[in-house]
C-alpha cells in the first residue's frame, strides 16, 4: 500500500511504525472472509481492509479522529483472525493499537461512553474492587432489562455477565508455593485480575497441577493486571504503567532465583505479556527486561507440554469441544498443545465449526458492544451444539464467562480438566459427569483379579 506521510510526520515513531505496517497491505481482501464484524455486518468499513484505509487516512491527514473512524475501530474485536489469514504479514494488531491511542487522545466521546470506560478501567483490573463490584451487582441484576430499555445496554450487559461468576473464593496471596517432591522447575504465575473473583478454581487447578509435577510456583508480590484492558481502550500510558509494574515484580522474583517460565492461564493476558517487548520498546530503562520477560512467558498448556506429565489417573468417554480463544489461536498461535494435552488426559476432543470466529467476549467488548457480542455468542453456541459435546474447554476466562450458562453446556478451563484427570477434584460444573470417570488403577487391576479367579 502506498502511503503519503511527510518526512516531518515520519519523525514521530508512532507514525513511522504505522507506515511500515501499512506498506505490507496489498488490498487483497482475504481478511474480510475471517473478520467476525464483516461476516455479521457486511460493511467494508467493519473489515480489516476497510479499517486500514480509515486509519491510514486519519493518520496521514493528522486530523482528530472522526465519529466515523471511532465507530468502526471500536467495533473491531482485536481477535486478530485477520493476521492469521493475511498472506502479506500485515501487523494489524499494532496498527489498530496505534489507531486506538490516537482516538483516545483526539476524540471526545459522549458522556455515557466516557463514564462506562472510566468505570471499567478503574474496577476490572483490580481484583479487590472487582470482587466488591460483583457482589454489588447482585442487587442490580433484577433490573438489567430496565437498564437495557432505558438505553443503558452496557450496564445491562455488565449485570448479565456478573451473574455468571463461579464459586466465590479468596484472592491468591503472594508467596512461594513449594513443589511436591523434588523441585524440577521454578515459575512465576500471573494470577490475573478478573479471573480471580470470577473463577478462582482456575488458579487453584493450575497450582495443584504444577506443584504435583515438581514445579515451584512464585506469586510475585507486586504483580497486577497485565494491562490488556486499558491497552485495548487506547489508554497507552496506563497500559505501560501496568507492564512496568509486572516487569519490576518478575525481575525481583528472578533476583531470588532463576525462573524457567512466566506461566499465564488466561490467553488474553498471555498475548499482552508476550508483547511487552514491543509495548516498552521506547523505554530504555525497561526495554531489555521487557523483552526477556516476553521471551519467558508461556501459556499454561505450552509449559505443560514441555514437562513430562504423569499418566492420567482417571479415564472416560467424555466428549469435550475445545474452544480456541482468539488470543490463543491468533494472538499466540498456540493450537496443538491444548488439544494434545486433553487427548493425552483421556478426553475425546471435537472441533467446533467456524472455530476461527470470535465468541464476542474480547476483553470488555461484550460490555461496550453488547449487540454484536450477543450475535457472535449465539453463533458460537450454535456451532458448539452442532457437535453435541458433554462440555466445552477453553483457555481464557473471558470466553468462559461469555459462553457459560447460555447453552446449558458446561464451560470449564482446559487446566481444570487436566487437573481432574491427573488426580485433582472434579470441577463443580461437571459434578454430573463424575460417574463417567473411571479410575485407571481399577481398570489395570481388573484383568489381574480375573486371572486369580
Protein backbone atom coordinates (compact mmCIF):
# COMPACT_ATOMS: atom_id res chain seq x y z
CA UNK A 1 0.00 0.00 0.00
CA UNK A 2 1.36 3.41 -0.97
CA UNK A 3 1.43 5.92 1.86
CA UNK A 4 1.68 9.70 1.88
CA UNK A 5 3.26 10.61 5.19
CA UNK A 6 5.54 13.62 5.10
CA UNK A 7 9.18 13.46 6.18
CA UNK A 8 8.27 15.60 9.18
CA UNK A 9 5.48 13.19 10.19
CA UNK A 10 7.82 10.21 9.98
CA UNK A 11 9.99 11.70 12.72
CA UNK A 12 7.17 10.58 15.01
CA UNK A 13 8.00 6.98 15.95
CA UNK A 14 4.30 6.03 16.05
CA UNK A 15 3.66 7.27 12.52
CA UNK A 16 6.87 5.66 11.27
CA UNK A 17 5.64 2.35 12.70
CA UNK A 18 2.23 2.83 11.10
CA UNK A 19 3.85 3.48 7.70
CA UNK A 20 5.86 0.24 7.93
CA UNK A 21 2.73 -1.74 8.74
CA UNK A 22 0.59 -0.09 6.06
CA UNK A 23 3.24 -0.76 3.44
CA UNK A 24 2.69 -4.52 3.70
CA UNK A 25 -1.03 -4.41 2.84
CA UNK A 26 -1.80 -5.32 -0.79
CA UNK A 27 -5.59 -4.77 -0.60
CA UNK A 28 -6.28 -8.46 -1.36
CA UNK A 29 -9.28 -8.64 0.94
CA UNK A 30 -8.70 -12.20 2.13
CA UNK A 31 -9.04 -10.87 5.68
CA UNK A 32 -12.69 -9.98 5.13
CA UNK A 33 -13.76 -13.62 5.00
CA UNK A 34 -12.49 -14.33 8.52
CA UNK A 35 -13.38 -11.00 10.17
CA UNK A 36 -16.31 -11.52 12.58
CA UNK A 37 -17.72 -8.00 12.25
CA UNK A 38 -17.59 -8.08 8.45
CA UNK A 39 -19.23 -11.52 8.44
CA UNK A 40 -22.05 -10.10 10.59
CA UNK A 41 -22.46 -6.62 9.10
CA UNK A 42 -21.14 -6.88 5.54
CA UNK A 43 -19.79 -3.31 5.75
CA UNK A 44 -16.33 -2.81 4.24
CA UNK A 45 -15.57 -0.29 6.97
CA UNK A 46 -16.09 -3.08 9.50
CA UNK A 47 -13.45 -5.27 7.87
CA UNK A 48 -9.69 -5.14 8.48
CA UNK A 49 -9.09 -3.79 4.98
CA UNK A 50 -11.70 -1.07 5.45
CA UNK A 51 -10.36 -0.11 8.85
CA UNK A 52 -6.83 0.04 7.45
CA UNK A 53 -7.97 2.63 4.89
CA UNK A 54 -9.78 4.63 7.58
CA UNK A 55 -6.74 4.54 9.88
CA UNK A 56 -4.36 5.43 7.03
CA UNK A 57 -6.42 8.47 6.08
CA UNK A 58 -6.74 9.60 9.70
CA UNK A 59 -3.03 9.31 10.49
CA UNK A 60 -1.78 10.77 7.20
CA UNK A 61 -4.08 13.79 7.47
CA UNK A 62 -3.14 14.41 11.09
CA UNK A 63 -6.80 15.08 11.84
CA UNK A 64 -8.54 14.32 15.07
CA UNK A 65 -10.41 11.02 14.99
CA UNK A 66 -13.86 11.44 13.47
CA UNK A 67 -17.08 9.82 14.65
CA UNK A 68 -16.95 7.50 11.62
CA UNK A 69 -13.43 6.23 12.31
CA UNK A 70 -14.17 5.84 16.02
CA UNK A 71 -17.33 3.80 15.41
CA UNK A 72 -15.65 1.31 13.09
CA UNK A 73 -12.43 0.96 15.08
CA UNK A 74 -14.47 0.50 18.26
CA UNK A 75 -16.31 -2.37 16.56
CA UNK A 76 -13.03 -4.21 15.98
CA UNK A 77 -12.69 -7.10 18.44
CA UNK A 78 -8.89 -7.27 18.11
CA UNK A 79 -9.46 -11.00 17.62
CA UNK A 80 -6.53 -10.98 15.14
CA UNK A 81 -8.16 -13.57 12.88
CA UNK A 82 -7.15 -11.30 10.00
CA UNK A 83 -3.48 -11.73 10.93
CA UNK A 84 -3.76 -15.50 10.70
CA UNK A 85 -5.37 -15.14 7.27
CA UNK A 86 -3.21 -12.35 5.82
CA UNK A 87 -0.67 -13.63 3.25
CA UNK A 88 1.34 -10.41 3.46
CA UNK A 89 2.03 -10.45 7.19
CA UNK A 90 0.30 -7.14 7.93
CA UNK A 91 0.77 -6.34 11.63
CA UNK A 92 -2.84 -5.31 12.12
CA UNK A 93 -2.64 -5.78 15.90
CA UNK A 94 -0.19 -2.94 16.39
CA UNK A 95 -1.81 -0.76 13.72
CA UNK A 96 -5.22 -0.84 15.40
CA UNK A 97 -3.49 -0.23 18.75
CA UNK A 98 -1.95 2.93 17.30
CA UNK A 99 -5.35 3.98 16.00
CA UNK A 100 -6.95 3.47 19.39
CA UNK A 101 -4.33 5.63 21.06
CA UNK A 102 -4.98 8.39 18.50
CA UNK A 103 -8.73 8.11 19.06
CA UNK A 104 -8.32 8.25 22.84
CA UNK A 105 -6.11 11.35 22.55
CA UNK A 106 -8.12 13.29 19.96
CA UNK A 107 -11.77 12.19 20.02
CA UNK A 108 -14.30 13.42 22.59
CA UNK A 109 -16.71 10.61 23.36
CA UNK A 110 -20.21 11.10 24.73
CA UNK A 111 -20.56 11.28 28.49
CA UNK A 112 -22.11 7.80 28.78
CA UNK A 113 -19.22 6.17 26.93
CA UNK A 114 -16.64 8.11 28.94
CA UNK A 115 -18.20 7.12 32.25
CA UNK A 116 -18.53 3.45 31.34
CA UNK A 117 -14.94 3.26 30.08
CA UNK A 118 -13.66 5.04 33.18
CA UNK A 119 -15.66 2.65 35.36
CA UNK A 120 -14.27 -0.44 33.62
CA UNK A 121 -10.70 0.85 33.71
CA UNK A 122 -10.98 1.63 37.44
CA UNK A 123 -12.66 -1.59 38.59
CA UNK A 124 -11.87 -4.62 36.42
CA UNK A 125 -8.03 -4.53 36.63
CA UNK A 126 -8.21 -4.51 40.45
CA UNK A 127 -9.32 -7.90 41.84
CA UNK A 128 -10.43 -6.44 45.17
CA UNK A 129 -12.55 -3.72 43.59
CA UNK A 130 -13.90 -6.17 41.04
CA UNK A 131 -14.89 -8.62 43.78
CA UNK A 132 -16.85 -5.88 45.54
CA UNK A 133 -18.46 -4.83 42.26
CA UNK A 134 -19.60 -8.40 41.58
CA UNK A 135 -21.23 -8.56 45.00
CA UNK A 136 -22.94 -5.21 44.46
CA UNK A 137 -24.15 -6.33 41.03
CA UNK A 138 -26.40 -8.90 42.69
CA UNK A 139 -28.64 -6.02 43.77
CA UNK A 140 -28.82 -4.62 40.26
CA UNK A 141 -29.37 -7.84 38.30
CA UNK A 142 -33.18 -7.87 38.67
CA UNK A 143 -33.24 -4.50 36.87
CA UNK A 144 -30.96 -5.36 33.95
CA UNK A 145 -33.81 -5.38 31.40
CA UNK A 146 -34.90 -1.99 32.67
CA UNK A 147 -31.39 -0.64 32.10
CA UNK A 148 -31.44 -2.02 28.54
CA UNK A 149 -34.85 -0.45 27.89
CA UNK A 150 -33.52 2.89 29.14
CA UNK A 151 -30.71 2.79 26.58
CA UNK A 152 -28.07 1.60 29.04
CA UNK A 153 -27.31 -1.71 27.34
CA UNK A 154 -23.73 -1.57 28.55
CA UNK A 155 -24.87 -1.55 32.20
CA UNK A 156 -27.33 -4.34 31.43
CA UNK A 157 -24.51 -6.37 29.86
CA UNK A 158 -22.31 -5.81 32.93
CA UNK A 159 -25.06 -7.12 35.22
CA UNK A 160 -25.68 -10.10 32.95
CA UNK A 161 -22.02 -11.10 32.95
CA UNK A 162 -21.71 -10.52 36.70
CA UNK A 163 -24.28 -13.26 37.25
CA UNK A 164 -22.02 -15.83 35.59
CA UNK A 165 -19.30 -15.93 38.21
CA UNK A 166 -18.34 -19.33 39.52
CA UNK A 167 -17.77 -20.36 43.11
CA UNK A 168 -16.70 -17.46 45.28
CA UNK A 169 -13.18 -17.70 46.60
CA UNK A 170 -10.36 -15.67 48.07
CA UNK A 171 -7.65 -13.98 46.03
CA UNK A 172 -4.35 -15.79 45.60
CA UNK A 173 -1.87 -14.50 48.13
CA UNK A 174 1.70 -13.55 47.16
CA UNK A 175 4.37 -16.02 48.11
CA UNK A 176 6.11 -19.21 47.05
CA UNK A 177 4.19 -22.47 46.75
CA UNK A 178 6.71 -25.31 47.01
CA UNK A 179 6.92 -28.20 44.58
CA UNK A 180 5.81 -31.62 45.77
CA UNK A 181 8.80 -33.91 45.95
CA UNK A 182 11.96 -32.94 44.10
CA UNK A 183 11.87 -29.45 42.60
CA UNK A 184 12.32 -29.65 38.83
CA UNK A 185 11.25 -26.18 37.69
CA UNK A 186 10.54 -22.73 39.09
CA UNK A 187 7.93 -20.48 37.51
CA UNK A 188 6.07 -17.26 38.21
CA UNK A 189 2.29 -17.40 37.80
CA UNK A 190 0.23 -14.40 36.76
CA UNK A 191 -2.98 -14.87 38.72
CA UNK A 192 -4.99 -12.36 36.72
CA UNK A 193 -7.40 -9.61 37.70
CA UNK A 194 -10.92 -10.52 36.52
CA UNK A 195 -10.16 -14.24 36.67
CA UNK A 196 -9.54 -14.37 40.41
CA UNK A 197 -13.01 -13.26 41.56
CA UNK A 198 -14.83 -14.74 38.56
CA UNK A 199 -13.31 -18.23 38.66
CA UNK A 200 -10.82 -18.93 41.47
CA UNK A 201 -10.85 -22.64 40.58
CA UNK A 202 -8.65 -21.94 37.54
CA UNK A 203 -5.67 -20.74 39.57
CA UNK A 204 -6.25 -23.46 42.16
CA UNK A 205 -6.16 -26.18 39.49
CA UNK A 206 -3.10 -24.59 37.87
CA UNK A 207 -1.15 -24.50 41.13
CA UNK A 208 -2.12 -28.10 42.03
CA UNK A 209 -1.11 -29.38 38.62
CA UNK A 210 2.22 -27.56 38.60
CA UNK A 211 3.30 -28.38 42.15
CA UNK A 212 2.26 -32.03 41.71
CA UNK A 213 4.76 -32.22 38.86
CA UNK A 214 7.68 -30.78 40.76
CA UNK A 215 7.23 -27.14 39.83
CA UNK A 216 7.73 -24.38 42.39
CA UNK A 217 5.21 -21.59 41.85
CA UNK A 218 6.03 -17.97 42.66
CA UNK A 219 3.22 -15.43 43.09
CA UNK A 220 5.10 -12.13 42.85
CA UNK A 221 4.00 -9.62 45.47
CA UNK A 222 3.80 -6.53 43.24
CA UNK A 223 2.34 -8.08 40.08
CA UNK A 224 -1.04 -6.88 38.86
CA UNK A 225 -3.20 -6.59 35.78
CA UNK A 226 -1.31 -7.28 32.55
CA UNK A 227 -2.61 -4.02 31.07
CA UNK A 228 -4.65 -5.55 28.24
CA UNK A 229 -7.95 -3.95 29.24
CA UNK A 230 -6.74 -0.35 29.21
CA UNK A 231 -4.43 -1.00 26.26
CA UNK A 232 -7.38 -2.01 24.08
CA UNK A 233 -9.14 1.19 25.13
CA UNK A 234 -6.24 3.23 23.75
CA UNK A 235 -5.05 4.22 27.22
CA UNK A 236 -1.41 3.68 26.42
CA UNK A 237 0.06 5.36 29.49
CA UNK A 238 -1.97 3.16 31.83
CA UNK A 239 -1.03 0.03 29.87
CA UNK A 240 2.66 0.94 30.03
CA UNK A 241 2.38 1.56 33.78
CA UNK A 242 0.83 -1.90 34.27
CA UNK A 243 3.52 -3.53 32.13
CA UNK A 244 6.32 -1.82 34.05
CA UNK A 245 4.87 -2.94 37.36
CA UNK A 246 4.85 -6.56 36.22
CA UNK A 247 8.33 -6.35 34.72
CA UNK A 248 9.60 -4.99 38.04
CA UNK A 249 7.73 -7.69 40.00
CA UNK A 250 9.09 -10.57 37.94
CA UNK A 251 12.57 -9.06 37.79
CA UNK A 252 12.52 -9.04 41.59
CA UNK A 253 11.43 -12.69 41.62
CA UNK A 254 14.32 -13.56 39.29
CA UNK A 255 16.79 -11.97 41.68
CA UNK A 256 15.68 -14.56 44.24
CA UNK A 257 16.39 -17.35 41.77
CA UNK A 258 16.09 -18.06 38.03
CA UNK A 259 12.65 -18.57 36.51
CA UNK A 260 12.07 -21.27 33.92
CA UNK A 261 8.92 -19.53 32.72
CA UNK A 262 6.27 -16.97 33.46
CA UNK A 263 3.12 -19.05 33.24
CA UNK A 264 -0.20 -17.48 32.28
CA UNK A 265 -3.53 -19.30 32.29
CA UNK A 266 -5.63 -16.59 30.62
CA UNK A 267 -4.70 -16.37 26.95
CA UNK A 268 -5.78 -12.74 26.61
CA UNK A 269 -3.23 -11.81 29.28
CA UNK A 270 -0.62 -14.06 27.70
CA UNK A 271 -0.90 -12.32 24.34
CA UNK A 272 -0.32 -8.96 26.03
CA UNK A 273 2.60 -10.05 28.21
CA UNK A 274 4.31 -11.71 25.24
CA UNK A 275 4.12 -8.27 23.59
CA UNK A 276 5.76 -6.36 26.46
CA UNK A 277 8.94 -6.02 24.42
CA UNK A 278 7.01 -4.04 21.84
CA UNK A 279 4.95 -2.06 24.35
CA UNK A 280 8.05 -0.90 26.24
CA UNK A 281 10.46 -0.65 23.32
CA UNK A 282 10.70 3.15 23.62
CA UNK A 283 11.74 2.99 27.28
CA UNK A 284 15.49 2.40 27.61
CA UNK A 285 15.12 1.53 31.28
CA UNK A 286 12.71 -1.31 30.61
CA UNK A 287 13.16 -2.44 27.00
CA UNK A 288 15.70 -5.19 27.57
CA UNK A 289 13.98 -6.58 30.68
CA UNK A 290 10.60 -6.44 28.94
CA UNK A 291 11.96 -8.45 26.01
CA UNK A 292 13.36 -11.01 28.44
CA UNK A 293 10.01 -11.26 30.26
CA UNK A 294 8.16 -11.65 26.97
CA UNK A 295 10.52 -14.44 25.94
CA UNK A 296 9.94 -16.31 29.21
CA UNK A 297 6.15 -16.08 29.01
CA UNK A 298 4.23 -19.25 28.19
CA UNK A 299 0.60 -20.23 28.18
CA UNK A 300 -0.02 -22.93 30.78
CA UNK A 301 -0.58 -25.50 28.02
CA UNK A 302 2.72 -24.58 26.37
CA UNK A 303 4.54 -25.12 29.65
CA UNK A 304 2.75 -28.38 30.49
CA UNK A 305 3.59 -29.72 27.04
CA UNK A 306 7.28 -29.16 27.74
CA UNK A 307 7.37 -31.07 31.03
CA UNK A 308 6.60 -34.75 31.43
CA UNK A 309 3.09 -35.02 32.85
CA UNK A 310 2.05 -38.06 34.84
CA UNK A 311 -0.27 -40.58 33.23
CA UNK A 312 -3.95 -39.80 33.88
CA UNK A 313 -5.42 -41.37 37.00
CA UNK A 314 -8.92 -41.36 35.53
CA UNK A 315 -10.25 -42.24 32.09
CA UNK A 316 -13.58 -41.57 30.45
CA UNK A 317 -15.67 -41.49 27.31
CA UNK A 318 -16.43 -37.80 27.86
CA UNK A 319 -16.52 -35.65 24.74
CA UNK A 320 -15.12 -32.14 25.03
CA UNK A 321 -15.47 -29.39 22.44
CA UNK A 322 -12.29 -27.34 22.51
CA UNK A 323 -12.96 -23.64 22.02
CA UNK A 324 -9.73 -21.96 20.99
CA UNK A 325 -9.78 -18.37 22.23
CA UNK A 326 -8.80 -15.81 19.61
CA UNK A 327 -5.90 -14.67 21.77
CA UNK A 328 -4.73 -18.29 21.87
CA UNK A 329 -5.03 -19.28 18.21
CA UNK A 330 -4.45 -15.92 16.51
CA UNK A 331 -2.58 -13.91 19.14
CA UNK A 332 -0.17 -16.58 20.39
CA UNK A 333 -0.56 -19.25 17.69
CA UNK A 334 -0.87 -21.92 20.39
CA UNK A 335 -3.03 -24.54 18.71
CA UNK A 336 -1.59 -28.02 19.07
CA UNK A 337 -0.74 -28.15 22.77
CA UNK A 338 -4.18 -27.72 24.40
CA UNK A 339 -5.80 -30.33 22.18
CA UNK A 340 -2.92 -32.78 22.59
CA UNK A 341 -2.95 -32.47 26.38
CA UNK A 342 -6.70 -33.07 26.56
CA UNK A 343 -6.39 -36.17 24.39
CA UNK A 344 -3.48 -37.47 26.47
CA UNK A 345 -5.65 -36.98 29.56
CA UNK A 346 -8.24 -39.34 28.12
CA UNK A 347 -10.85 -36.96 26.73
CA UNK A 348 -12.35 -37.20 23.25
CA UNK A 349 -11.73 -33.81 21.66
CA UNK A 350 -14.06 -32.49 18.96
CA UNK A 351 -13.59 -29.37 16.85
CA UNK A 352 -16.12 -26.53 16.82
CA UNK A 353 -17.22 -25.40 13.33
CA UNK A 354 -16.15 -21.85 12.49
CA UNK A 355 -13.56 -22.14 15.22
CA UNK A 356 -11.73 -19.10 13.86
CA UNK A 357 -14.70 -16.80 14.55
CA UNK A 358 -14.67 -14.93 17.88
CA UNK A 359 -17.23 -15.71 20.59
CA UNK A 360 -17.74 -11.99 21.21
CA UNK A 361 -16.01 -11.69 24.58
CA UNK A 362 -12.83 -9.83 23.53
CA UNK A 363 -11.99 -8.23 26.86
CA UNK A 364 -14.66 -5.61 27.54
CA UNK A 365 -16.18 -5.85 24.05
CA UNK A 366 -19.20 -7.76 25.34
CA UNK A 367 -19.94 -4.74 27.55
CA UNK A 368 -19.05 -1.92 25.17
CA UNK A 369 -20.57 -3.58 22.07
CA UNK A 370 -23.30 -5.78 23.59
CA UNK A 371 -25.42 -6.26 20.46
CA UNK A 372 -22.60 -7.54 18.27
CA UNK A 373 -21.19 -9.58 21.16
CA UNK A 374 -24.54 -11.31 21.68
CA UNK A 375 -24.80 -12.17 17.97
CA UNK A 376 -21.31 -13.67 17.99
CA UNK A 377 -22.02 -15.55 21.23
CA UNK A 378 -25.21 -17.07 19.82
CA UNK A 379 -23.41 -18.05 16.62
CA UNK A 380 -20.63 -19.71 18.63
CA UNK A 381 -23.09 -21.58 20.86
CA UNK A 382 -24.99 -22.84 17.82
CA UNK A 383 -21.77 -24.22 16.39
CA UNK A 384 -20.87 -25.82 19.72
CA UNK A 385 -24.26 -27.50 19.97
CA UNK A 386 -23.86 -28.91 16.46
CA UNK A 387 -21.10 -31.26 17.66
CA UNK A 388 -23.04 -32.36 20.78
CA UNK A 389 -20.23 -32.26 23.36
CA UNK A 390 -20.61 -33.12 27.03
CA UNK A 391 -18.86 -29.86 27.88
CA UNK A 392 -16.57 -27.17 26.48
CA UNK A 393 -12.93 -26.45 27.32
CA UNK A 394 -11.36 -23.03 26.80
CA UNK A 395 -8.15 -21.32 27.87
CA UNK A 396 -9.43 -17.81 28.55
CA UNK A 397 -11.65 -16.51 31.34
CA UNK A 398 -13.39 -14.05 29.02
CA UNK A 399 -14.58 -16.79 26.69
CA UNK A 400 -15.66 -18.98 29.61
CA UNK A 401 -17.74 -16.16 31.10
CA UNK A 402 -19.21 -15.27 27.70
CA UNK A 403 -20.34 -18.81 26.87
CA UNK A 404 -21.32 -20.39 30.16
CA UNK A 405 -24.96 -20.61 31.07
CA UNK A 406 -26.37 -19.63 27.69
CA UNK A 407 -26.27 -23.08 26.09
CA UNK A 408 -26.76 -25.30 29.16
CA UNK A 409 -23.47 -26.93 28.16
CA UNK A 410 -20.86 -26.50 30.93
CA UNK A 411 -17.75 -24.49 30.06
CA UNK A 412 -14.53 -25.06 32.01
CA UNK A 413 -10.87 -24.17 31.69
CA UNK A 414 -8.55 -26.65 29.99
CA UNK A 415 -6.36 -26.82 33.09
CA UNK A 416 -9.34 -27.78 35.27
CA UNK A 417 -9.89 -30.86 33.09
CA UNK A 418 -6.22 -31.80 33.13
CA UNK A 419 -6.10 -31.44 36.90
CA UNK A 420 -9.22 -33.63 37.26
CA UNK A 421 -7.86 -36.39 35.04
CA UNK A 422 -4.49 -36.36 36.81
CA UNK A 423 -5.85 -36.72 40.33
CA UNK A 424 -7.43 -33.37 41.19
CA UNK A 425 -11.05 -32.71 42.15
CA UNK A 426 -13.89 -32.71 39.66
CA UNK A 427 -14.78 -29.17 38.56
CA UNK A 428 -18.01 -28.10 40.23
CA UNK A 429 -19.73 -27.52 36.89
CA UNK A 430 -19.08 -31.15 35.91
CA UNK A 431 -20.31 -32.98 39.00
CA UNK A 432 -23.00 -34.68 36.93
CA UNK A 433 -20.25 -36.41 34.91
CA UNK A 434 -18.28 -37.80 37.85
CA UNK A 435 -19.79 -41.25 37.37
CA UNK A 436 -18.39 -41.43 33.85
CA UNK A 437 -14.81 -41.13 35.04
CA UNK A 438 -13.18 -44.48 35.79
CA UNK A 439 -10.05 -44.98 37.86
CA UNK A 440 -7.20 -46.16 35.66
CA UNK A 441 -5.89 -48.16 38.61
CA UNK A 442 -9.14 -50.14 38.79
CA UNK A 443 -9.03 -50.79 35.05
CA UNK A 444 -5.49 -52.13 35.32
CA UNK A 445 -6.38 -54.33 38.28
CA UNK A 446 -9.44 -55.95 36.68
CA UNK A 447 -7.53 -58.45 34.46
CA UNK A 448 -5.32 -59.47 37.37
CA UNK A 449 -8.36 -60.18 39.53
CA UNK A 450 -9.96 -62.24 36.75
CA UNK A 451 -6.84 -64.43 36.42
CA UNK A 452 -6.70 -65.31 40.13
CA UNK A 453 -10.33 -66.38 40.00
